[in-house]
Amino acid sequence: MHHHNMYDPFISSGNIFIYIIPLAFLLFTIWFALKFLKLQERKNAILQSIAERLDKQK
């Protein structure tokens, strides 16, 4: 005799989270890395322009 468990739909939808959570973490990590690199590029450009201005003053 087979008993239907009322949590069966939740178990199968719970399996979706096993795949969604690492995927979301991966996407967040990629987004953060790209944002960080863009910020570093901006800082380097500012520092470069300051260095060029200081060189001109000599």
Protein backbone atom coordinates (compact mmCIF):
# COMPACT_ATOMS: atom_id res chain seq x y z
CA MET A 1 0.00 0.00 0.00
CA HIS A 2 1.38 3.39 -1.02
CA HIS A 3 0.81 6.40 1.22
CA HIS A 4 0.99 9.87 -0.27
CA ASN A 5 2.95 12.21 1.88
CA MET A 6 1.58 15.74 2.01
CA TYR A 7 5.17 17.07 1.90
CA ASP A 8 6.00 15.45 -1.45
CA PRO A 9 5.53 18.69 -3.43
CA PHE A 10 7.74 20.54 -0.93
CA ILE A 11 10.44 17.92 -1.18
CA SER A 12 10.54 18.19 -4.97
CA SER A 13 10.48 21.99 -4.83
CA GLY A 14 13.14 21.79 -2.12
CA ASN A 15 15.35 20.03 -4.63
CA ILE A 16 15.15 23.12 -6.82
CA PHE A 17 16.83 25.14 -4.05
CA ILE A 18 19.76 22.71 -4.10
CA TYR A 19 20.47 24.02 -7.60
CA ILE A 20 19.29 27.62 -7.25
CA ILE A 21 21.31 28.57 -4.16
CA PRO A 22 24.77 27.68 -5.59
CA LEU A 23 23.79 29.28 -8.91
CA ALA A 24 22.69 32.48 -7.15
CA PHE A 25 25.93 32.47 -5.14
CA LEU A 26 27.97 32.02 -8.32
CA LEU A 27 26.13 34.85 -10.09
CA PHE A 28 26.55 37.13 -7.06
CA THR A 29 30.28 36.31 -6.93
CA ILE A 30 30.72 37.13 -10.63
CA TRP A 31 28.71 40.36 -10.26
CA PHE A 32 30.74 41.39 -7.21
CA ALA A 33 34.06 40.62 -8.94
CA LEU A 34 33.10 42.68 -12.00
CA LYS A 35 31.91 45.57 -9.83
CA PHE A 36 35.13 45.42 -7.79
CA LEU A 37 37.32 45.39 -10.92
CA LYS A 38 35.45 48.36 -12.37
CA LEU A 39 35.93 50.27 -9.11
CA GLN A 40 39.64 49.42 -9.08
CA GLU A 41 39.97 50.64 -12.68
CA ARG A 42 38.33 53.94 -11.70
CA LYS A 43 40.65 54.35 -8.70
CA ASN A 44 43.70 53.60 -10.86
CA ALA A 45 42.59 56.18 -13.43
CA ILE A 46 42.21 58.81 -10.70
CA LEU A 47 45.61 57.96 -9.22
CA GLN A 48 47.16 58.06 -12.69
CA SER A 49 45.76 61.53 -13.37
CA ILE A 50 47.06 62.74 -9.98
CA ALA A 51 50.50 61.29 -10.73
CA GLU A 52 50.55 63.01 -14.15
CA ARG A 53 49.62 66.35 -12.58
CA LEU A 54 52.35 65.97 -9.95
CA ASP A 55 54.90 65.13 -12.66
CA LYS A 56 53.94 68.31 -14.57
CA GLN A 57 54.52 70.44 -11.47
CA LYS A 58 58.17 69.38 -11.17
